[in-house]
Amino acid sequence: MNNTRIAMLLTAGILTGCASYETDKTVQSIPVTTAAKSLGAPSTTLSYSTTIDNYKRELAERIATTNSVRVYAGRPQALLRSVVVVKYAIDSQGNLTHSEIMRSNRDDIAEAVALTSLKQAAPFPIPASHLLRRGRVELAETWLFNNDGRFQLRSIAEPQMDE
């Protein structure tokens, strides 16, 4: 093992002993310590999400927070301007390694906003090792666009309005 990996594991172990765990719906992330960063670890956080669904919600919250001016509050309107589904992969260090449009109504602007908002939120919290498959976590997220071009992410959106 290289020094970076050892430092990260030691830091995670120490911080795990100090952390308090909440219910499954609550997601916790902790900053990587300065010592770990100085050894070359990525400038990101460690995720305590124990399931793929919780990790996906954690990433959705990060995307929404990073792109807050493009996100609308409240329930999505009944008839959406666009729905864009993006498939993406996060490596063991929290880096975005792949993203592609899986489904769309061919709204080029909405597609560009979805991909850009994903890239702007990177790097992401480091996933728990048991969530990794072939060294990465593969996820799909749905961007719900209102007529004004702002979006919500389905993982954390409220139910859509009735017509």
C-alpha atoms as a PDB file:
ATOM      1  CA  MET A   1       0.000   0.000   0.000  1.00  0.00           C
ATOM      2  CA  ASN A   2       1.238   3.464  -0.708  1.00  0.00           C
ATOM      3  CA  ASN A   3       1.532   6.180   1.948  1.00  0.00           C
ATOM      4  CA  THR A   4      -1.546   8.037   0.724  1.00  0.00           C
ATOM      5  CA  ARG A   5      -3.800   5.008   1.090  1.00  0.00           C
ATOM      6  CA  ILE A   6      -2.380   4.191   4.544  1.00  0.00           C
ATOM      7  CA  ALA A   7      -2.889   7.790   5.718  1.00  0.00           C
ATOM      8  CA  MET A   8      -6.467   7.810   4.430  1.00  0.00           C
ATOM      9  CA  LEU A   9      -7.288   4.504   6.133  1.00  0.00           C
ATOM     10  CA  LEU A  10      -5.764   5.641   9.427  1.00  0.00           C
ATOM     11  CA  THR A  11      -7.599   8.960   9.240  1.00  0.00           C
ATOM     12  CA  ALA A  12     -10.882   7.215   8.445  1.00  0.00           C
ATOM     13  CA  GLY A  13     -10.386   4.791  11.331  1.00  0.00           C
ATOM     14  CA  ILE A  14      -9.631   7.533  13.827  1.00  0.00           C
ATOM     15  CA  LEU A  15     -12.523   9.700  12.661  1.00  0.00           C
ATOM     16  CA  THR A  16     -14.916   6.744  12.570  1.00  0.00           C
ATOM     17  CA  GLY A  17     -14.334   6.200  16.277  1.00  0.00           C
ATOM     18  CA  CYS A  18     -15.309   9.832  16.943  1.00  0.00           C
ATOM     19  CA  ALA A  19     -18.328   9.950  14.629  1.00  0.00           C
ATOM     20  CA  SER A  20     -21.908   9.491  15.675  1.00  0.00           C
ATOM     21  CA  TYR A  21     -24.118   7.575  13.292  1.00  0.00           C
ATOM     22  CA  GLU A  22     -27.673   8.592  12.512  1.00  0.00           C
ATOM     23  CA  THR A  23     -30.535   6.688  10.928  1.00  0.00           C
ATOM     24  CA  ASP A  24     -30.166   5.261   7.442  1.00  0.00           C
ATOM     25  CA  LYS A  25     -31.778   8.340   5.855  1.00  0.00           C
ATOM     26  CA  THR A  26     -29.199  10.694   7.378  1.00  0.00           C
ATOM     27  CA  VAL A  27     -25.960  10.939   5.471  1.00  0.00           C
ATOM     28  CA  GLN A  28     -22.750  12.110   7.078  1.00  0.00           C
ATOM     29  CA  SER A  29     -19.539  13.242   5.448  1.00  0.00           C
ATOM     30  CA  ILE A  30     -16.381  14.406   7.152  1.00  0.00           C
ATOM     31  CA  PRO A  31     -13.548  16.485   5.723  1.00  0.00           C
ATOM     32  CA  VAL A  32     -10.285  14.709   4.974  1.00  0.00           C
ATOM     33  CA  THR A  33      -7.692  15.906   7.500  1.00  0.00           C
ATOM     34  CA  THR A  34      -4.887  18.282   6.621  1.00  0.00           C
ATOM     35  CA  ALA A  35      -2.338  15.498   7.194  1.00  0.00           C
ATOM     36  CA  ALA A  36      -4.043  13.272   4.650  1.00  0.00           C
ATOM     37  CA  LYS A  37      -4.245  16.136   2.134  1.00  0.00           C
ATOM     38  CA  SER A  38      -0.538  16.864   2.507  1.00  0.00           C
ATOM     39  CA  LEU A  39       0.208  13.240   1.572  1.00  0.00           C
ATOM     40  CA  GLY A  40      -1.508  13.720  -1.782  1.00  0.00           C
ATOM     41  CA  ALA A  41      -5.072  12.645  -0.983  1.00  0.00           C
ATOM     42  CA  PRO A  42      -7.791  14.396  -3.007  1.00  0.00           C
ATOM     43  CA  SER A  43      -9.337  17.541  -1.585  1.00  0.00           C
ATOM     44  CA  THR A  44     -12.714  15.992  -0.823  1.00  0.00           C
ATOM     45  CA  THR A  45     -14.658  14.309   1.981  1.00  0.00           C
ATOM     46  CA  LEU A  46     -15.158  10.766   3.181  1.00  0.00           C
ATOM     47  CA  SER A  47     -18.694   9.468   2.873  1.00  0.00           C
ATOM     48  CA  TYR A  48     -20.368   7.471   5.626  1.00  0.00           C
ATOM     49  CA  SER A  49     -23.197   6.398   3.323  1.00  0.00           C
ATOM     50  CA  THR A  50     -23.622   2.664   3.723  1.00  0.00           C
ATOM     51  CA  THR A  51     -25.940   2.095   0.770  1.00  0.00           C
ATOM     52  CA  ILE A  52     -25.919   3.110  -2.879  1.00  0.00           C
ATOM     53  CA  ASP A  53     -29.221   4.983  -2.401  1.00  0.00           C
ATOM     54  CA  ASN A  54     -27.834   7.055   0.470  1.00  0.00           C
ATOM     55  CA  TYR A  55     -24.624   7.761  -1.468  1.00  0.00           C
ATOM     56  CA  LYS A  56     -26.702   8.832  -4.490  1.00  0.00           C
ATOM     57  CA  ARG A  57     -28.725  11.245  -2.301  1.00  0.00           C
ATOM     58  CA  GLU A  58     -25.479  12.602  -0.833  1.00  0.00           C
ATOM     59  CA  LEU A  59     -24.145  13.303  -4.328  1.00  0.00           C
ATOM     60  CA  ALA A  60     -27.458  14.875  -5.371  1.00  0.00           C
ATOM     61  CA  GLU A  61     -27.259  17.221  -2.374  1.00  0.00           C
ATOM     62  CA  ARG A  62     -23.713  18.178  -3.371  1.00  0.00           C
ATOM     63  CA  ILE A  63     -24.743  18.842  -6.985  1.00  0.00           C
ATOM     64  CA  ALA A  64     -27.705  20.956  -5.829  1.00  0.00           C
ATOM     65  CA  THR A  65     -25.605  22.915  -3.319  1.00  0.00           C
ATOM     66  CA  THR A  66     -22.798  23.562  -5.796  1.00  0.00           C
ATOM     67  CA  ASN A  67     -25.274  24.740  -8.440  1.00  0.00           C
ATOM     68  CA  SER A  68     -27.748  26.481  -6.123  1.00  0.00           C
ATOM     69  CA  VAL A  69     -28.512  29.336  -8.524  1.00  0.00           C
ATOM     70  CA  ARG A  70     -29.689  26.798 -11.122  1.00  0.00           C
ATOM     71  CA  VAL A  71     -31.841  24.799  -8.695  1.00  0.00           C
ATOM     72  CA  TYR A  72     -35.458  25.672  -7.901  1.00  0.00           C
ATOM     73  CA  ALA A  73     -37.105  25.121  -4.536  1.00  0.00           C
ATOM     74  CA  GLY A  74     -40.478  23.491  -4.058  1.00  0.00           C
ATOM     75  CA  ARG A  75     -42.332  20.902  -6.045  1.00  0.00           C
ATOM     76  CA  PRO A  76     -41.575  20.346  -9.751  1.00  0.00           C
ATOM     77  CA  GLN A  77     -44.242  21.719 -12.062  1.00  0.00           C
ATOM     78  CA  ALA A  78     -46.764  19.286 -13.569  1.00  0.00           C
ATOM     79  CA  LEU A  79     -45.455  19.483 -17.139  1.00  0.00           C
ATOM     80  CA  LEU A  80     -41.686  19.695 -17.167  1.00  0.00           C
ATOM     81  CA  ARG A  81     -39.692  21.389 -19.904  1.00  0.00           C
ATOM     82  CA  SER A  82     -37.181  18.548 -19.960  1.00  0.00           C
ATOM     83  CA  VAL A  83     -36.168  15.368 -18.159  1.00  0.00           C
ATOM     84  CA  VAL A  84     -32.517  14.378 -18.571  1.00  0.00           C
ATOM     85  CA  VAL A  85     -31.085  11.123 -17.211  1.00  0.00           C
ATOM     86  CA  VAL A  86     -27.300  11.061 -16.791  1.00  0.00           C
ATOM     87  CA  LYS A  87     -25.264   7.933 -16.112  1.00  0.00           C
ATOM     88  CA  TYR A  88     -21.980   8.658 -14.342  1.00  0.00           C
ATOM     89  CA  ALA A  89     -19.136   6.961 -12.475  1.00  0.00           C
ATOM     90  CA  ILE A  90     -17.187   8.000  -9.369  1.00  0.00           C
ATOM     91  CA  ASP A  91     -13.833   6.360  -8.624  1.00  0.00           C
ATOM     92  CA  SER A  92     -12.478   5.314  -5.224  1.00  0.00           C
ATOM     93  CA  GLN A  93     -11.079   8.832  -4.668  1.00  0.00           C
ATOM     94  CA  GLY A  94     -14.337  10.661  -5.386  1.00  0.00           C
ATOM     95  CA  ASN A  95     -13.370  11.751  -8.895  1.00  0.00           C
ATOM     96  CA  LEU A  96     -15.934  11.896 -11.680  1.00  0.00           C
ATOM     97  CA  THR A  97     -14.525   9.472 -14.271  1.00  0.00           C
ATOM     98  CA  HIS A  98     -17.370   9.174 -16.760  1.00  0.00           C
ATOM     99  CA  SER A  99     -20.669  10.846 -17.603  1.00  0.00           C
ATOM    100  CA  GLU A 100     -23.109  10.406 -20.450  1.00  0.00           C
ATOM    101  CA  ILE A 101     -26.705  11.225 -21.335  1.00  0.00           C
ATOM    102  CA  MET A 102     -28.828   8.090 -21.052  1.00  0.00           C
ATOM    103  CA  ARG A 103     -32.210   9.611 -21.843  1.00  0.00           C
ATOM    104  CA  SER A 104     -33.441  13.022 -22.912  1.00  0.00           C
ATOM    105  CA  ASN A 105     -36.047  14.821 -24.973  1.00  0.00           C
ATOM    106  CA  ARG A 106     -33.154  16.220 -27.025  1.00  0.00           C
ATOM    107  CA  ASP A 107     -33.129  19.608 -25.274  1.00  0.00           C
ATOM    108  CA  ASP A 108     -29.472  20.480 -25.923  1.00  0.00           C
ATOM    109  CA  ILE A 109     -29.435  23.287 -23.352  1.00  0.00           C
ATOM    110  CA  ALA A 110     -30.877  21.090 -20.586  1.00  0.00           C
ATOM    111  CA  GLU A 111     -28.418  18.303 -21.449  1.00  0.00           C
ATOM    112  CA  ALA A 112     -25.502  20.740 -21.266  1.00  0.00           C
ATOM    113  CA  VAL A 113     -26.704  22.143 -17.931  1.00  0.00           C
ATOM    114  CA  ALA A 114     -27.065  18.622 -16.488  1.00  0.00           C
ATOM    115  CA  LEU A 115     -23.557  17.561 -17.536  1.00  0.00           C
ATOM    116  CA  THR A 116     -21.997  20.882 -16.495  1.00  0.00           C
ATOM    117  CA  SER A 117     -23.670  20.870 -13.072  1.00  0.00           C
ATOM    118  CA  LEU A 118     -22.387  17.332 -12.471  1.00  0.00           C
ATOM    119  CA  LYS A 119     -18.824  18.277 -13.442  1.00  0.00           C
ATOM    120  CA  GLN A 120     -18.892  21.459 -11.341  1.00  0.00           C
ATOM    121  CA  ALA A 121     -19.803  19.469  -8.223  1.00  0.00           C
ATOM    122  CA  ALA A 122     -16.761  17.173  -8.542  1.00  0.00           C
ATOM    123  CA  PRO A 123     -14.790  15.932  -6.716  1.00  0.00           C
ATOM    124  CA  PHE A 124     -17.399  14.034  -4.712  1.00  0.00           C
ATOM    125  CA  PRO A 125     -17.239  12.428  -1.280  1.00  0.00           C
ATOM    126  CA  ILE A 126     -15.068   9.307  -1.277  1.00  0.00           C
ATOM    127  CA  PRO A 127     -17.412   6.302  -1.438  1.00  0.00           C
ATOM    128  CA  ALA A 128     -17.230   3.495   1.099  1.00  0.00           C
ATOM    129  CA  SER A 129     -15.122   0.656  -0.304  1.00  0.00           C
ATOM    130  CA  HIS A 130     -17.988  -1.860  -0.169  1.00  0.00           C
ATOM    131  CA  LEU A 131     -19.953   0.322  -2.643  1.00  0.00           C
ATOM    132  CA  LEU A 132     -17.233   0.041  -5.298  1.00  0.00           C
ATOM    133  CA  ARG A 133     -17.488  -2.349  -8.231  1.00  0.00           C
ATOM    134  CA  ARG A 134     -14.356  -2.619 -10.361  1.00  0.00           C
ATOM    135  CA  GLY A 135     -12.941   0.399  -8.520  1.00  0.00           C
ATOM    136  CA  ARG A 136     -15.876   2.720  -9.053  1.00  0.00           C
ATOM    137  CA  VAL A 137     -19.503   3.458  -8.265  1.00  0.00           C
ATOM    138  CA  GLU A 138     -21.840   3.734 -11.254  1.00  0.00           C
ATOM    139  CA  LEU A 139     -25.006   5.766 -10.791  1.00  0.00           C
ATOM    140  CA  ALA A 140     -27.771   7.390 -12.800  1.00  0.00           C
ATOM    141  CA  GLU A 141     -29.502  10.622 -11.809  1.00  0.00           C
ATOM    142  CA  THR A 142     -32.489  12.400 -13.319  1.00  0.00           C
ATOM    143  CA  TRP A 143     -32.516  16.182 -13.797  1.00  0.00           C
ATOM    144  CA  LEU A 144     -36.055  17.664 -13.808  1.00  0.00           C
ATOM    145  CA  PHE A 145     -36.175  21.012 -15.641  1.00  0.00           C
ATOM    146  CA  ASN A 146     -38.889  23.634 -15.161  1.00  0.00           C
ATOM    147  CA  ASN A 147     -39.791  26.035 -17.974  1.00  0.00           C
ATOM    148  CA  ASP A 148     -37.352  28.657 -16.644  1.00  0.00           C
ATOM    149  CA  GLY A 149     -34.388  26.289 -17.116  1.00  0.00           C
ATOM    150  CA  ARG A 150     -33.762  25.632 -13.412  1.00  0.00           C
ATOM    151  CA  PHE A 151     -33.689  22.032 -12.221  1.00  0.00           C
ATOM    152  CA  GLN A 152     -34.132  19.626  -9.364  1.00  0.00           C
ATOM    153  CA  LEU A 153     -32.649  16.173  -8.988  1.00  0.00           C
ATOM    154  CA  ARG A 154     -35.118  13.328  -8.708  1.00  0.00           C
ATOM    155  CA  SER A 155     -33.228  11.699  -5.806  1.00  0.00           C
ATOM    156  CA  ILE A 156     -33.983  14.673  -3.556  1.00  0.00           C
ATOM    157  CA  ALA A 157     -36.967  16.337  -5.281  1.00  0.00           C
ATOM    158  CA  GLU A 158     -40.390  16.692  -3.756  1.00  0.00           C
ATOM    159  CA  PRO A 159     -43.300  14.935  -5.527  1.00  0.00           C
ATOM    160  CA  GLN A 160     -44.295  16.568  -8.802  1.00  0.00           C
ATOM    161  CA  MET A 161     -47.357  18.893  -8.842  1.00  0.00           C
ATOM    162  CA  ASP A 162     -50.664  17.668 -10.229  1.00  0.00           C
ATOM    163  CA  GLU A 163     -51.925  19.304 -13.400  1.00  0.00           C
END
